[in-house]
Amino acid sequence: MRSPVFSPDGAFVAAGAVQGKIHVWNARTGESVLEIPGAARVYAVAYTPDGATLVTAAEDRVIRSWNAVTGEQIAATATA
């Protein structure tokens, strides 16, 4: 796992994986609550201040935002 990060309220921990997935766990129990399939190795993960969105940076040089509850991709932006 790469770049583990707590949600702003401390309830969840999210991290990227070399397999291109984003994993989210309950911080108290360690139970997996969400697995988001990605496209490339995820190098960085961050929550927005409201905790509603996860933002990832991946090996394919695309920054993606995801709904932190459903895992649905919201947006993707290629970087130079």
PDB file of N, CA and C in Angstrom:
ATOM      1  N   MET A   1       0.837  -1.180   0.000  1.00  0.00           N
ATOM      2  CA  MET A   1       0.000   0.000   0.000  1.00  0.00           C
ATOM      3  C   MET A   1       0.882   1.243   0.000  1.00  0.00           C
ATOM      4  N   ARG A   2       0.401   2.243  -0.664  1.00  0.00           N
ATOM      5  CA  ARG A   2       1.139   3.498  -0.766  1.00  0.00           C
ATOM      6  C   ARG A   2       0.324   4.655  -0.216  1.00  0.00           C
ATOM      7  N   SER A   3       1.009   5.552   0.423  1.00  0.00           N
ATOM      8  CA  SER A   3       0.445   6.827   0.871  1.00  0.00           C
ATOM      9  C   SER A   3      -0.836   6.684   1.694  1.00  0.00           C
ATOM     10  N   PRO A   4      -0.821   5.909   2.767  1.00  0.00           N
ATOM     11  CA  PRO A   4      -2.043   5.815   3.568  1.00  0.00           C
ATOM     12  C   PRO A   4      -2.401   7.171   4.162  1.00  0.00           C
ATOM     13  N   VAL A   5      -3.695   7.449   4.192  1.00  0.00           N
ATOM     14  CA  VAL A   5      -4.163   8.735   4.687  1.00  0.00           C
ATOM     15  C   VAL A   5      -5.483   8.538   5.426  1.00  0.00           C
ATOM     16  N   PHE A   6      -5.649   9.256   6.537  1.00  0.00           N
ATOM     17  CA  PHE A   6      -6.898   9.228   7.290  1.00  0.00           C
ATOM     18  C   PHE A   6      -7.884  10.218   6.688  1.00  0.00           C
ATOM     19  N   SER A   7      -9.172   9.865   6.753  1.00  0.00           N
ATOM     20  CA  SER A   7     -10.219  10.813   6.372  1.00  0.00           C
ATOM     21  C   SER A   7     -10.194  11.964   7.384  1.00  0.00           C
ATOM     22  N   PRO A   8     -10.726  13.133   7.032  1.00  0.00           N
ATOM     23  CA  PRO A   8     -10.685  14.274   7.947  1.00  0.00           C
ATOM     24  C   PRO A   8     -11.305  14.003   9.320  1.00  0.00           C
ATOM     25  N   ASP A   9     -12.306  13.141   9.380  1.00  0.00           N
ATOM     26  CA  ASP A   9     -12.926  12.829  10.673  1.00  0.00           C
ATOM     27  C   ASP A   9     -12.243  11.668  11.393  1.00  0.00           C
ATOM     28  N   GLY A  10     -11.222  11.082  10.752  1.00  0.00           N
ATOM     29  CA  GLY A  10     -10.483   9.987  11.366  1.00  0.00           C
ATOM     30  C   GLY A  10     -11.173   8.640  11.330  1.00  0.00           C
ATOM     31  N   ALA A  11     -12.314   8.550  10.665  1.00  0.00           N
ATOM     32  CA  ALA A  11     -13.088   7.307  10.642  1.00  0.00           C
ATOM     33  C   ALA A  11     -12.565   6.277   9.643  1.00  0.00           C
ATOM     34  N   PHE A  12     -11.861   6.723   8.610  1.00  0.00           N
ATOM     35  CA  PHE A  12     -11.420   5.829   7.546  1.00  0.00           C
ATOM     36  C   PHE A  12      -9.944   6.045   7.223  1.00  0.00           C
ATOM     37  N   VAL A  13      -9.340   5.012   6.665  1.00  0.00           N
ATOM     38  CA  VAL A  13      -7.979   5.090   6.154  1.00  0.00           C
ATOM     39  C   VAL A  13      -8.030   4.644   4.696  1.00  0.00           C
ATOM     40  N   ALA A  14      -7.433   5.431   3.822  1.00  0.00           N
ATOM     41  CA  ALA A  14      -7.388   5.084   2.399  1.00  0.00           C
ATOM     42  C   ALA A  14      -5.929   4.986   1.970  1.00  0.00           C
ATOM     43  N   ALA A  15      -5.663   4.101   1.004  1.00  0.00           N
ATOM     44  CA  ALA A  15      -4.315   3.958   0.467  1.00  0.00           C
ATOM     45  C   ALA A  15      -4.396   3.439  -0.955  1.00  0.00           C
ATOM     46  N   GLY A  16      -3.395   3.786  -1.738  1.00  0.00           N
ATOM     47  CA  GLY A  16      -3.290   3.291  -3.099  1.00  0.00           C
ATOM     48  C   GLY A  16      -2.468   2.020  -3.117  1.00  0.00           C
ATOM     49  N   ALA A  17      -2.567   1.289  -4.210  1.00  0.00           N
ATOM     50  CA  ALA A  17      -1.835   0.031  -4.347  1.00  0.00           C
ATOM     51  C   ALA A  17      -1.144  -0.021  -5.695  1.00  0.00           C
ATOM     52  N   VAL A  18      -0.062  -0.802  -5.757  1.00  0.00           N
ATOM     53  CA  VAL A  18       0.663  -0.932  -7.016  1.00  0.00           C
ATOM     54  C   VAL A  18      -0.174  -1.623  -8.086  1.00  0.00           C
ATOM     55  N   GLN A  19      -1.202  -2.354  -7.683  1.00  0.00           N
ATOM     56  CA  GLN A  19      -2.085  -2.998  -8.651  1.00  0.00           C
ATOM     57  C   GLN A  19      -3.076  -2.008  -9.254  1.00  0.00           C
ATOM     58  N   GLY A  20      -3.007  -0.749  -8.850  1.00  0.00           N
ATOM     59  CA  GLY A  20      -3.900   0.262  -9.403  1.00  0.00           C
ATOM     60  C   GLY A  20      -5.196   0.426  -8.644  1.00  0.00           C
ATOM     61  N   LYS A  21      -5.311  -0.179  -7.487  1.00  0.00           N
ATOM     62  CA  LYS A  21      -6.539  -0.077  -6.709  1.00  0.00           C
ATOM     63  C   LYS A  21      -6.384   0.939  -5.583  1.00  0.00           C
ATOM     64  N   ILE A  22      -7.517   1.436  -5.117  1.00  0.00           N
ATOM     65  CA  ILE A  22      -7.567   2.276  -3.931  1.00  0.00           C
ATOM     66  C   ILE A  22      -8.371   1.496  -2.903  1.00  0.00           C
ATOM     67  N   HIS A  23      -7.809   1.343  -1.714  1.00  0.00           N
ATOM     68  CA  HIS A  23      -8.477   0.607  -0.645  1.00  0.00           C
ATOM     69  C   HIS A  23      -8.871   1.582   0.461  1.00  0.00           C
ATOM     70  N   VAL A  24     -10.052   1.360   1.041  1.00  0.00           N
ATOM     71  CA  VAL A  24     -10.518   2.163   2.166  1.00  0.00           C
ATOM     72  C   VAL A  24     -10.943   1.216   3.281  1.00  0.00           C
ATOM     73  N   TRP A  25     -10.459   1.491   4.497  1.00  0.00           N
ATOM     74  CA  TRP A  25     -10.783   0.675   5.659  1.00  0.00           C
ATOM     75  C   TRP A  25     -11.410   1.523   6.754  1.00  0.00           C
ATOM     76  N   ASN A  26     -12.205   0.871   7.578  1.00  0.00           N
ATOM     77  CA  ASN A  26     -12.699   1.486   8.801  1.00  0.00           C
ATOM     78  C   ASN A  26     -11.494   1.621   9.723  1.00  0.00           C
ATOM     79  N   ALA A  27     -11.196   2.820  10.184  1.00  0.00           N
ATOM     80  CA  ALA A  27      -9.993   3.050  10.990  1.00  0.00           C
ATOM     81  C   ALA A  27     -10.078   2.392  12.361  1.00  0.00           C
ATOM     82  N   ARG A  28     -11.265   2.210  12.872  1.00  0.00           N
ATOM     83  CA  ARG A  28     -11.418   1.613  14.203  1.00  0.00           C
ATOM     84  C   ARG A  28     -11.327   0.095  14.155  1.00  0.00           C
ATOM     85  N   THR A  29     -11.992  -0.515  13.166  1.00  0.00           N
ATOM     86  CA  THR A  29     -12.081  -1.978  13.125  1.00  0.00           C
ATOM     87  C   THR A  29     -11.100  -2.626  12.157  1.00  0.00           C
ATOM     88  N   GLY A  30     -10.591  -1.853  11.206  1.00  0.00           N
ATOM     89  CA  GLY A  30      -9.719  -2.413  10.174  1.00  0.00           C
ATOM     90  C   GLY A  30     -10.479  -3.113   9.057  1.00  0.00           C
ATOM     91  N   GLU A  31     -11.792  -3.099   9.129  1.00  0.00           N
ATOM     92  CA  GLU A  31     -12.622  -3.752   8.112  1.00  0.00           C
ATOM     93  C   GLU A  31     -12.552  -2.993   6.786  1.00  0.00           C
ATOM     94  N   SER A  32     -12.387  -3.715   5.690  1.00  0.00           N
ATOM     95  CA  SER A  32     -12.401  -3.115   4.367  1.00  0.00           C
ATOM     96  C   SER A  32     -13.816  -2.634   4.060  1.00  0.00           C
ATOM     97  N   VAL A  33     -13.933  -1.363   3.675  1.00  0.00           N
ATOM     98  CA  VAL A  33     -15.258  -0.826   3.377  1.00  0.00           C
ATOM     99  C   VAL A  33     -15.429  -0.447   1.911  1.00  0.00           C
ATOM    100  N   LEU A  34     -14.300  -0.323   1.188  1.00  0.00           N
ATOM    101  CA  LEU A  34     -14.398   0.067  -0.217  1.00  0.00           C
ATOM    102  C   LEU A  34     -13.111  -0.306  -0.930  1.00  0.00           C
ATOM    103  N   GLU A  35     -13.245  -0.840  -2.132  1.00  0.00           N
ATOM    104  CA  GLU A  35     -12.101  -1.099  -2.999  1.00  0.00           C
ATOM    105  C   GLU A  35     -12.445  -0.539  -4.357  1.00  0.00           C
ATOM    106  N   ILE A  36     -11.646   0.426  -4.801  1.00  0.00           N
ATOM    107  CA  ILE A  36     -11.900   1.091  -6.068  1.00  0.00           C
ATOM    108  C   ILE A  36     -10.887   0.580  -7.087  1.00  0.00           C
ATOM    109  N   PRO A  37     -11.348  -0.018  -8.172  1.00  0.00           N
ATOM    110  CA  PRO A  37     -10.404  -0.467  -9.194  1.00  0.00           C
ATOM    111  C   PRO A  37      -9.861   0.744  -9.947  1.00  0.00           C
ATOM    112  N   GLY A  38      -8.563   0.817 -10.065  1.00  0.00           N
ATOM    113  CA  GLY A  38      -7.940   1.908 -10.808  1.00  0.00           C
ATOM    114  C   GLY A  38      -7.350   1.377 -12.097  1.00  0.00           C
ATOM    115  N   ALA A  39      -6.605   2.220 -12.779  1.00  0.00           N
ATOM    116  CA  ALA A  39      -6.038   1.826 -14.055  1.00  0.00           C
ATOM    117  C   ALA A  39      -4.529   1.655 -13.999  1.00  0.00           C
ATOM    118  N   ALA A  40      -3.877   2.346 -13.085  1.00  0.00           N
ATOM    119  CA  ALA A  40      -2.417   2.323 -13.013  1.00  0.00           C
ATOM    120  C   ALA A  40      -1.997   2.392 -11.551  1.00  0.00           C
ATOM    121  N   ARG A  41      -0.714   2.155 -11.291  1.00  0.00           N
ATOM    122  CA  ARG A  41      -0.207   2.229  -9.924  1.00  0.00           C
ATOM    123  C   ARG A  41      -0.563   3.564  -9.292  1.00  0.00           C
ATOM    124  N   VAL A  42      -1.132   3.510  -8.112  1.00  0.00           N
ATOM    125  CA  VAL A  42      -1.528   4.718  -7.401  1.00  0.00           C
ATOM    126  C   VAL A  42      -0.392   5.125  -6.477  1.00  0.00           C
ATOM    127  N   TYR A  43       0.120   6.335  -6.670  1.00  0.00           N
ATOM    128  CA  TYR A  43       1.249   6.814  -5.876  1.00  0.00           C
ATOM    129  C   TYR A  43       0.847   7.728  -4.728  1.00  0.00           C
ATOM    130  N   ALA A  44      -0.280   8.413  -4.848  1.00  0.00           N
ATOM    131  CA  ALA A  44      -0.693   9.341  -3.795  1.00  0.00           C
ATOM    132  C   ALA A  44      -2.210   9.342  -3.673  1.00  0.00           C
ATOM    133  N   VAL A  45      -2.675   9.473  -2.438  1.00  0.00           N
ATOM    134  CA  VAL A  45      -4.105   9.523  -2.140  1.00  0.00           C
ATOM    135  C   VAL A  45      -4.331  10.654  -1.145  1.00  0.00           C
ATOM    136  N   ALA A  46      -5.400  11.414  -1.335  1.00  0.00           N
ATOM    137  CA  ALA A  46      -5.754  12.475  -0.395  1.00  0.00           C
ATOM    138  C   ALA A  46      -7.261  12.596  -0.323  1.00  0.00           C
ATOM    139  N   TYR A  47      -7.760  12.982   0.842  1.00  0.00           N
ATOM    140  CA  TYR A  47      -9.169  13.309   1.014  1.00  0.00           C
ATOM    141  C   TYR A  47      -9.346  14.810   0.858  1.00  0.00           C
ATOM    142  N   THR A  48     -10.489  15.221   0.327  1.00  0.00           N
ATOM    143  CA  THR A  48     -10.829  16.636   0.366  1.00  0.00           C
ATOM    144  C   THR A  48     -11.187  16.981   1.808  1.00  0.00           C
ATOM    145  N   PRO A  49     -11.135  18.259   2.185  1.00  0.00           N
ATOM    146  CA  PRO A  49     -11.403  18.628   3.573  1.00  0.00           C
ATOM    147  C   PRO A  49     -12.754  18.172   4.125  1.00  0.00           C
ATOM    148  N   ASP A  50     -13.751  18.042   3.258  1.00  0.00           N
ATOM    149  CA  ASP A  50     -15.064  17.584   3.729  1.00  0.00           C
ATOM    150  C   ASP A  50     -15.169  16.063   3.799  1.00  0.00           C
ATOM    151  N   GLY A  51     -14.145  15.349   3.318  1.00  0.00           N
ATOM    152  CA  GLY A  51     -14.135  13.891   3.372  1.00  0.00           C
ATOM    153  C   GLY A  51     -15.005  13.209   2.341  1.00  0.00           C
ATOM    154  N   ALA A  52     -15.635  13.964   1.471  1.00  0.00           N
ATOM    155  CA  ALA A  52     -16.563  13.389   0.495  1.00  0.00           C
ATOM    156  C   ALA A  52     -15.869  12.839  -0.743  1.00  0.00           C
ATOM    157  N   THR A  53     -14.645  13.284  -0.998  1.00  0.00           N
ATOM    158  CA  THR A  53     -13.951  12.926  -2.223  1.00  0.00           C
ATOM    159  C   THR A  53     -12.531  12.462  -1.925  1.00  0.00           C
ATOM    160  N   LEU A  54     -12.111  11.422  -2.635  1.00  0.00           N
ATOM    161  CA  LEU A  54     -10.719  10.984  -2.623  1.00  0.00           C
ATOM    162  C   LEU A  54     -10.087  11.459  -3.920  1.00  0.00           C
ATOM    163  N   VAL A  55      -8.851  11.927  -3.849  1.00  0.00           N
ATOM    164  CA  VAL A  55      -8.120  12.350  -5.028  1.00  0.00           C
ATOM    165  C   VAL A  55      -6.871  11.479  -5.119  1.00  0.00           C
ATOM    166  N   THR A  56      -6.596  10.939  -6.310  1.00  0.00           N
ATOM    167  CA  THR A  56      -5.444  10.058  -6.479  1.00  0.00           C
ATOM    168  C   THR A  56      -4.559  10.536  -7.626  1.00  0.00           C
ATOM    169  N   ALA A  57      -3.271  10.237  -7.487  1.00  0.00           N
ATOM    170  CA  ALA A  57      -2.300  10.466  -8.561  1.00  0.00           C
ATOM    171  C   ALA A  57      -1.695   9.115  -8.882  1.00  0.00           C
ATOM    172  N   ALA A  58      -1.625   8.792 -10.171  1.00  0.00           N
ATOM    173  CA  ALA A  58      -1.199   7.459 -10.576  1.00  0.00           C
ATOM    174  C   ALA A  58      -0.048   7.514 -11.584  1.00  0.00           C
ATOM    175  N   GLU A  59       0.521   6.342 -11.805  1.00  0.00           N
ATOM    176  CA  GLU A  59       1.649   6.188 -12.709  1.00  0.00           C
ATOM    177  C   GLU A  59       1.332   6.653 -14.126  1.00  0.00           C
ATOM    178  N   ASP A  60       0.082   6.567 -14.527  1.00  0.00           N
ATOM    179  CA  ASP A  60      -0.301   6.987 -15.880  1.00  0.00           C
ATOM    180  C   ASP A  60      -0.406   8.506 -16.019  1.00  0.00           C
ATOM    181  N   ARG A  61      -0.010   9.234 -14.953  1.00  0.00           N
ATOM    182  CA  ARG A  61       0.013  10.699 -14.926  1.00  0.00           C
ATOM    183  C   ARG A  61      -1.380  11.302 -15.020  1.00  0.00           C
ATOM    184  N   VAL A  62      -2.353  10.593 -14.462  1.00  0.00           N
ATOM    185  CA  VAL A  62      -3.727  11.085 -14.421  1.00  0.00           C
ATOM    186  C   VAL A  62      -4.116  11.296 -12.965  1.00  0.00           C
ATOM    187  N   ILE A  63      -4.667  12.473 -12.694  1.00  0.00           N
ATOM    188  CA  ILE A  63      -5.210  12.774 -11.374  1.00  0.00           C
ATOM    189  C   ILE A  63      -6.705  12.516 -11.450  1.00  0.00           C
ATOM    190  N   ARG A  64      -7.180  11.657 -10.542  1.00  0.00           N
ATOM    191  CA  ARG A  64      -8.599  11.294 -10.548  1.00  0.00           C
ATOM    192  C   ARG A  64      -9.237  11.666  -9.217  1.00  0.00           C
ATOM    193  N   SER A  65     -10.505  12.009  -9.269  1.00  0.00           N
ATOM    194  CA  SER A  65     -11.268  12.205  -8.040  1.00  0.00           C
ATOM    195  C   SER A  65     -12.389  11.178  -8.017  1.00  0.00           C
ATOM    196  N   TRP A  66     -12.660  10.692  -6.798  1.00  0.00           N
ATOM    197  CA  TRP A  66     -13.599   9.593  -6.588  1.00  0.00           C
ATOM    198  C   TRP A  66     -14.565   9.949  -5.461  1.00  0.00           C
ATOM    199  N   ASN A  67     -15.794   9.516  -5.579  1.00  0.00           N
ATOM    200  CA  ASN A  67     -16.729   9.632  -4.468  1.00  0.00           C
ATOM    201  C   ASN A  67     -16.215   8.718  -3.360  1.00  0.00           C
ATOM    202  N   ALA A  68     -15.966   9.247  -2.177  1.00  0.00           N
ATOM    203  CA  ALA A  68     -15.357   8.479  -1.084  1.00  0.00           C
ATOM    204  C   ALA A  68     -16.298   7.447  -0.478  1.00  0.00           C
ATOM    205  N   VAL A  69     -17.578   7.526  -0.776  1.00  0.00           N
ATOM    206  CA  VAL A  69     -18.550   6.558  -0.242  1.00  0.00           C
ATOM    207  C   VAL A  69     -18.845   5.455  -1.248  1.00  0.00           C
ATOM    208  N   THR A  70     -19.084   5.847  -2.501  1.00  0.00           N
ATOM    209  CA  THR A  70     -19.490   4.872  -3.525  1.00  0.00           C
ATOM    210  C   THR A  70     -18.321   4.345  -4.357  1.00  0.00           C
ATOM    211  N   GLY A  71     -17.223   5.097  -4.424  1.00  0.00           N
ATOM    212  CA  GLY A  71     -16.102   4.722  -5.266  1.00  0.00           C
ATOM    213  C   GLY A  71     -16.278   5.129  -6.716  1.00  0.00           C
ATOM    214  N   GLU A  72     -17.344   5.821  -7.036  1.00  0.00           N
ATOM    215  CA  GLU A  72     -17.591   6.258  -8.404  1.00  0.00           C
ATOM    216  C   GLU A  72     -16.595   7.351  -8.794  1.00  0.00           C
ATOM    217  N   GLN A  73     -16.010   7.210 -10.000  1.00  0.00           N
ATOM    218  CA  GLN A  73     -15.092   8.246 -10.476  1.00  0.00           C
ATOM    219  C   GLN A  73     -15.856   9.501 -10.814  1.00  0.00           C
ATOM    220  N   ILE A  74     -15.366  10.630 -10.324  1.00  0.00           N
ATOM    221  CA  ILE A  74     -16.016  11.916 -10.555  1.00  0.00           C
ATOM    222  C   ILE A  74     -15.359  12.652 -11.713  1.00  0.00           C
ATOM    223  N   ALA A  75     -14.022  12.634 -11.730  1.00  0.00           N
ATOM    224  CA  ALA A  75     -13.295  13.368 -12.774  1.00  0.00           C
ATOM    225  C   ALA A  75     -11.909  12.755 -12.951  1.00  0.00           C
ATOM    226  N   ALA A  76     -11.292  13.055 -14.114  1.00  0.00           N
ATOM    227  CA  ALA A  76      -9.928  12.624 -14.402  1.00  0.00           C
ATOM    228  C   ALA A  76      -9.265  13.704 -15.240  1.00  0.00           C
ATOM    229  N   THR A  77      -8.033  14.032 -14.872  1.00  0.00           N
ATOM    230  CA  THR A  77      -7.281  15.056 -15.590  1.00  0.00           C
ATOM    231  C   THR A  77      -5.883  14.557 -15.853  1.00  0.00           C
ATOM    232  N   ALA A  78      -5.494  14.515 -17.110  1.00  0.00           N
ATOM    233  CA  ALA A  78      -4.134  14.109 -17.474  1.00  0.00           C
ATOM    234  C   ALA A  78      -3.184  15.254 -17.182  1.00  0.00           C
ATOM    235  N   THR A  79      -2.001  14.918 -16.680  1.00  0.00           N
ATOM    236  CA  THR A  79      -0.992  15.937 -16.414  1.00  0.00           C
ATOM    237  C   THR A  79       0.091  15.874 -17.487  1.00  0.00           C
ATOM    238  N   ALA A  80       0.811  16.937 -17.606  1.00  0.00           N
ATOM    239  CA  ALA A  80       1.876  17.013 -18.626  1.00  0.00           C
ATOM    240  C   ALA A  80       3.097  16.242 -18.225  1.00  0.00           C
TER     241      ALA A  80
END
